N, C-alpha and C. Protein backbone atom coordinates (compact mmCIF):
# COMPACT_ATOMS: atom_id res chain seq x y z
N MET A 1 109.77 108.22 132.23
CA MET A 1 108.70 107.76 133.08
C MET A 1 107.71 106.97 132.23
N GLY A 2 107.33 105.82 132.70
CA GLY A 2 106.42 104.97 131.96
C GLY A 2 104.97 105.33 132.20
N TYR A 3 104.12 104.63 131.49
CA TYR A 3 102.68 104.87 131.58
C TYR A 3 102.16 104.62 132.99
N ALA A 4 102.58 103.51 133.61
CA ALA A 4 102.10 103.15 134.94
C ALA A 4 102.51 104.19 135.99
N GLU A 5 103.76 104.65 135.90
CA GLU A 5 104.23 105.65 136.86
C GLU A 5 103.51 106.97 136.68
N THR A 6 103.27 107.35 135.43
CA THR A 6 102.55 108.59 135.16
C THR A 6 101.14 108.52 135.71
N LYS A 7 100.50 107.37 135.50
CA LYS A 7 99.13 107.20 135.98
C LYS A 7 99.09 107.28 137.51
N LEU A 8 100.05 106.65 138.18
CA LEU A 8 100.11 106.71 139.65
C LEU A 8 100.35 108.14 140.13
N MET A 9 101.20 108.87 139.42
CA MET A 9 101.48 110.25 139.81
C MET A 9 100.24 111.12 139.67
N ILE A 10 99.50 110.94 138.58
CA ILE A 10 98.27 111.71 138.37
C ILE A 10 97.25 111.41 139.45
N LYS A 11 97.10 110.13 139.78
CA LYS A 11 96.16 109.76 140.84
C LYS A 11 96.57 110.36 142.18
N ALA A 12 97.86 110.35 142.47
CA ALA A 12 98.36 110.92 143.73
C ALA A 12 98.09 112.42 143.79
N LEU A 13 98.31 113.12 142.67
CA LEU A 13 98.05 114.56 142.63
C LEU A 13 96.56 114.87 142.81
N ALA A 14 95.73 114.07 142.16
CA ALA A 14 94.28 114.26 142.29
C ALA A 14 93.84 114.02 143.73
N GLU A 15 94.38 112.99 144.35
CA GLU A 15 94.02 112.70 145.75
C GLU A 15 94.50 113.80 146.69
N GLU A 16 95.67 114.34 146.40
CA GLU A 16 96.18 115.46 147.21
C GLU A 16 95.26 116.67 147.08
N PHE A 17 94.84 116.96 145.86
CA PHE A 17 93.91 118.06 145.61
C PHE A 17 92.60 117.84 146.37
N ASN A 18 92.07 116.62 146.30
CA ASN A 18 90.82 116.30 147.00
C ASN A 18 91.00 116.41 148.50
N GLU A 19 92.14 115.99 149.00
CA GLU A 19 92.41 116.06 150.44
C GLU A 19 92.42 117.51 150.93
N GLU A 20 93.00 118.42 150.13
CA GLU A 20 93.00 119.84 150.48
C GLU A 20 91.57 120.37 150.56
N LYS A 21 90.76 120.02 149.58
CA LYS A 21 89.36 120.47 149.57
C LYS A 21 88.61 119.91 150.79
N ARG A 22 88.87 118.64 151.08
CA ARG A 22 88.21 117.98 152.20
C ARG A 22 88.61 118.62 153.54
N GLU A 23 89.91 118.93 153.69
CA GLU A 23 90.39 119.58 154.91
C GLU A 23 89.77 120.96 155.09
N LEU A 24 89.67 121.70 154.00
CA LEU A 24 89.04 123.02 154.08
C LEU A 24 87.58 122.89 154.48
N PHE A 25 86.90 121.90 153.92
CA PHE A 25 85.50 121.65 154.27
C PHE A 25 85.37 121.33 155.76
N GLN A 26 86.26 120.47 156.26
CA GLN A 26 86.23 120.10 157.68
C GLN A 26 86.57 121.29 158.57
N ALA A 27 87.43 122.18 158.10
CA ALA A 27 87.82 123.35 158.90
C ALA A 27 86.64 124.29 159.13
N TYR A 28 85.69 124.30 158.22
CA TYR A 28 84.50 125.14 158.39
C TYR A 28 83.56 124.58 159.45
N GLY A 29 83.74 123.33 159.83
CA GLY A 29 82.83 122.68 160.77
C GLY A 29 83.17 122.96 162.21
N GLU A 30 82.17 122.69 163.08
CA GLU A 30 82.36 122.93 164.51
C GLU A 30 82.07 121.70 165.35
N GLY A 31 81.45 120.70 164.78
CA GLY A 31 81.11 119.54 165.58
C GLY A 31 80.51 118.45 164.73
N LYS A 32 79.48 117.80 165.27
CA LYS A 32 78.88 116.66 164.59
C LYS A 32 77.99 117.05 163.42
N ARG A 33 77.30 118.16 163.54
CA ARG A 33 76.41 118.60 162.46
C ARG A 33 77.15 119.50 161.48
N TYR A 34 76.68 119.48 160.23
CA TYR A 34 77.28 120.33 159.22
C TYR A 34 76.80 121.77 159.42
N THR A 35 77.72 122.71 159.33
CA THR A 35 77.36 124.12 159.49
C THR A 35 76.92 124.69 158.14
N GLN A 36 76.32 125.86 158.19
CA GLN A 36 75.90 126.51 156.95
C GLN A 36 77.11 126.89 156.10
N LYS A 37 78.20 127.22 156.75
CA LYS A 37 79.41 127.56 156.01
C LYS A 37 79.93 126.35 155.22
N GLN A 38 79.85 125.16 155.84
CA GLN A 38 80.25 123.94 155.14
C GLN A 38 79.33 123.69 153.95
N LYS A 39 78.05 123.89 154.15
CA LYS A 39 77.08 123.67 153.07
C LYS A 39 77.33 124.65 151.93
N ASP A 40 77.61 125.91 152.27
CA ASP A 40 77.89 126.91 151.23
C ASP A 40 79.12 126.52 150.42
N TYR A 41 80.15 126.02 151.10
CA TYR A 41 81.35 125.57 150.41
C TYR A 41 81.03 124.39 149.49
N ALA A 42 80.20 123.48 149.99
CA ALA A 42 79.79 122.33 149.17
C ALA A 42 79.02 122.82 147.93
N PHE A 43 78.17 123.83 148.09
CA PHE A 43 77.42 124.37 146.95
C PHE A 43 78.37 124.96 145.90
N GLU A 44 79.44 125.62 146.37
CA GLU A 44 80.43 126.16 145.42
C GLU A 44 81.07 125.02 144.62
N LEU A 45 81.43 123.95 145.32
CA LEU A 45 82.03 122.81 144.64
C LEU A 45 81.04 122.15 143.68
N ILE A 46 79.77 122.08 144.08
CA ILE A 46 78.74 121.50 143.22
C ILE A 46 78.60 122.31 141.94
N ASP A 47 78.63 123.63 142.07
CA ASP A 47 78.55 124.48 140.87
C ASP A 47 79.73 124.23 139.94
N GLU A 48 80.89 124.00 140.52
CA GLU A 48 82.10 123.83 139.70
C GLU A 48 82.27 122.42 139.17
N TYR A 49 82.01 121.39 140.01
CA TYR A 49 82.33 120.02 139.64
C TYR A 49 81.12 119.11 139.47
N GLY A 50 79.98 119.47 140.02
CA GLY A 50 78.80 118.62 139.96
C GLY A 50 78.62 117.84 141.25
N ILE A 51 77.43 117.23 141.38
CA ILE A 51 77.06 116.53 142.62
C ILE A 51 77.95 115.32 142.86
N ARG A 52 78.08 114.47 141.87
CA ARG A 52 78.83 113.21 142.08
C ARG A 52 80.29 113.46 142.42
N ALA A 53 80.92 114.37 141.71
CA ALA A 53 82.33 114.65 141.97
C ALA A 53 82.50 115.28 143.35
N THR A 54 81.59 116.17 143.73
CA THR A 54 81.67 116.79 145.05
C THR A 54 81.50 115.74 146.15
N ALA A 55 80.60 114.81 145.94
CA ALA A 55 80.41 113.73 146.91
C ALA A 55 81.70 112.92 147.07
N ARG A 56 82.38 112.66 145.97
CA ARG A 56 83.65 111.92 146.04
C ARG A 56 84.73 112.75 146.72
N ILE A 57 84.81 114.02 146.37
CA ILE A 57 85.85 114.89 146.93
C ILE A 57 85.69 115.03 148.44
N LEU A 58 84.47 115.34 148.88
CA LEU A 58 84.22 115.60 150.30
C LEU A 58 83.94 114.33 151.10
N GLN A 59 83.77 113.21 150.40
CA GLN A 59 83.42 111.94 151.03
C GLN A 59 82.14 112.07 151.87
N ILE A 60 81.14 112.65 151.22
CA ILE A 60 79.81 112.79 151.81
C ILE A 60 78.85 112.03 150.89
N PRO A 61 77.83 111.38 151.46
CA PRO A 61 76.87 110.70 150.59
C PRO A 61 76.22 111.66 149.60
N ARG A 62 76.08 111.20 148.38
CA ARG A 62 75.48 112.03 147.32
C ARG A 62 74.07 112.45 147.70
N ARG A 63 73.33 111.57 148.33
CA ARG A 63 71.95 111.90 148.72
C ARG A 63 71.90 113.05 149.72
N THR A 64 72.90 113.15 150.58
CA THR A 64 72.96 114.27 151.52
C THR A 64 73.11 115.57 150.76
N LEU A 65 74.02 115.59 149.79
CA LEU A 65 74.20 116.80 148.98
C LEU A 65 72.94 117.14 148.20
N GLN A 66 72.26 116.12 147.66
CA GLN A 66 71.02 116.36 146.93
C GLN A 66 69.94 116.93 147.87
N ARG A 67 69.89 116.42 149.07
CA ARG A 67 68.91 116.92 150.05
C ARG A 67 69.19 118.38 150.37
N TRP A 68 70.46 118.73 150.57
CA TRP A 68 70.83 120.12 150.84
C TRP A 68 70.42 121.02 149.68
N CYS A 69 70.65 120.56 148.47
CA CYS A 69 70.30 121.36 147.29
C CYS A 69 68.79 121.58 147.21
N ARG A 70 68.02 120.52 147.44
CA ARG A 70 66.56 120.67 147.41
C ARG A 70 66.09 121.64 148.49
N LYS A 71 66.65 121.51 149.68
CA LYS A 71 66.23 122.35 150.80
C LYS A 71 66.56 123.82 150.56
N ASN A 72 67.65 124.08 149.86
CA ASN A 72 68.07 125.46 149.59
C ASN A 72 67.65 125.95 148.21
N HIS A 73 66.78 125.19 147.55
CA HIS A 73 66.23 125.56 146.24
C HIS A 73 67.34 125.79 145.21
N ILE A 74 68.33 124.92 145.23
CA ILE A 74 69.42 124.98 144.25
C ILE A 74 69.16 123.88 143.23
N TRP A 75 69.03 124.29 141.97
CA TRP A 75 68.74 123.34 140.90
C TRP A 75 70.05 122.94 140.24
N VAL A 76 70.30 121.65 140.17
CA VAL A 76 71.53 121.13 139.58
C VAL A 76 71.15 120.25 138.39
N LYS A 77 71.78 120.49 137.25
CA LYS A 77 71.52 119.67 136.07
C LYS A 77 72.01 118.25 136.30
N ARG A 78 71.37 117.31 135.63
CA ARG A 78 71.80 115.92 135.74
C ARG A 78 73.15 115.69 135.08
N CYS A 79 73.40 116.43 134.01
CA CYS A 79 74.64 116.25 133.26
C CYS A 79 75.26 117.62 133.01
N PRO A 80 76.59 117.65 132.83
CA PRO A 80 77.22 118.91 132.42
C PRO A 80 76.75 119.30 131.01
N ALA A 81 76.90 120.56 130.69
CA ALA A 81 76.41 121.08 129.41
C ALA A 81 77.04 120.37 128.22
N TRP A 82 78.30 119.97 128.32
CA TRP A 82 78.97 119.35 127.18
C TRP A 82 78.34 118.01 126.79
N VAL A 83 77.68 117.35 127.73
CA VAL A 83 77.08 116.05 127.43
C VAL A 83 75.96 116.21 126.41
N TYR A 84 75.15 117.25 126.55
CA TYR A 84 74.06 117.48 125.62
C TYR A 84 74.60 117.79 124.22
N GLU A 85 75.67 118.58 124.16
CA GLU A 85 76.28 118.89 122.87
C GLU A 85 76.86 117.64 122.23
N TRP A 86 77.53 116.82 123.04
CA TRP A 86 78.11 115.57 122.54
C TRP A 86 77.03 114.65 122.00
N ALA A 87 75.91 114.52 122.73
CA ALA A 87 74.82 113.66 122.28
C ALA A 87 74.23 114.15 120.96
N GLN A 88 74.12 115.45 120.81
CA GLN A 88 73.59 116.01 119.56
C GLN A 88 74.52 115.68 118.39
N ARG A 89 75.84 115.85 118.60
CA ARG A 89 76.80 115.50 117.53
C ARG A 89 76.74 114.02 117.22
N ARG A 90 76.57 113.19 118.23
CA ARG A 90 76.50 111.74 118.03
C ARG A 90 75.27 111.36 117.20
N ARG A 91 74.13 111.96 117.53
CA ARG A 91 72.91 111.69 116.76
C ARG A 91 73.09 112.11 115.31
N LYS A 92 73.73 113.24 115.10
CA LYS A 92 73.95 113.74 113.74
C LYS A 92 74.84 112.76 112.95
N ARG A 93 75.90 112.26 113.57
CA ARG A 93 76.78 111.29 112.90
C ARG A 93 76.04 110.00 112.59
N ARG A 94 75.21 109.54 113.53
CA ARG A 94 74.45 108.30 113.30
C ARG A 94 73.52 108.45 112.10
N LYS A 95 72.82 109.58 112.04
CA LYS A 95 71.93 109.81 110.89
C LYS A 95 72.72 109.79 109.59
N PHE A 96 73.87 110.44 109.60
CA PHE A 96 74.73 110.50 108.42
C PHE A 96 75.06 109.09 107.94
N TRP A 97 75.51 108.23 108.85
CA TRP A 97 75.92 106.88 108.45
C TRP A 97 74.74 105.97 108.17
N GLN A 98 73.60 106.23 108.79
CA GLN A 98 72.39 105.43 108.50
C GLN A 98 71.92 105.67 107.07
N ARG A 99 72.00 106.92 106.63
CA ARG A 99 71.60 107.23 105.26
C ARG A 99 72.47 106.51 104.24
N ARG A 100 73.68 106.20 104.62
CA ARG A 100 74.61 105.50 103.72
C ARG A 100 74.55 103.99 103.89
N GLY A 101 73.69 103.51 104.80
CA GLY A 101 73.47 102.09 104.96
C GLY A 101 74.46 101.35 105.86
N TYR A 102 75.18 102.06 106.70
CA TYR A 102 76.16 101.40 107.57
C TYR A 102 75.58 101.04 108.94
N CYS A 103 74.50 101.63 109.33
CA CYS A 103 73.93 101.34 110.66
C CYS A 103 72.58 100.70 110.56
């Protein structure tokens, strides 16, 4: 299997996974308005994947999810924890190379 086929297969699997999550989210609903059960499910996904990924998975506007979080007093970090660690390592490497005159 080549690179292109592997990439297509991965995208198809990811979309299938997202479709399952989306169907489950829709199954919790009863009509035009979102139910509390749907919101609770969205909050679970937000805890696991973050706001932006959840918005993509459920195909809901990100601002709607942010509004729900504010209304329910749920605080969501702007970035996952690993981003802060990565930035710290990056700063440390930059200092190292600056001292040697490369930056």
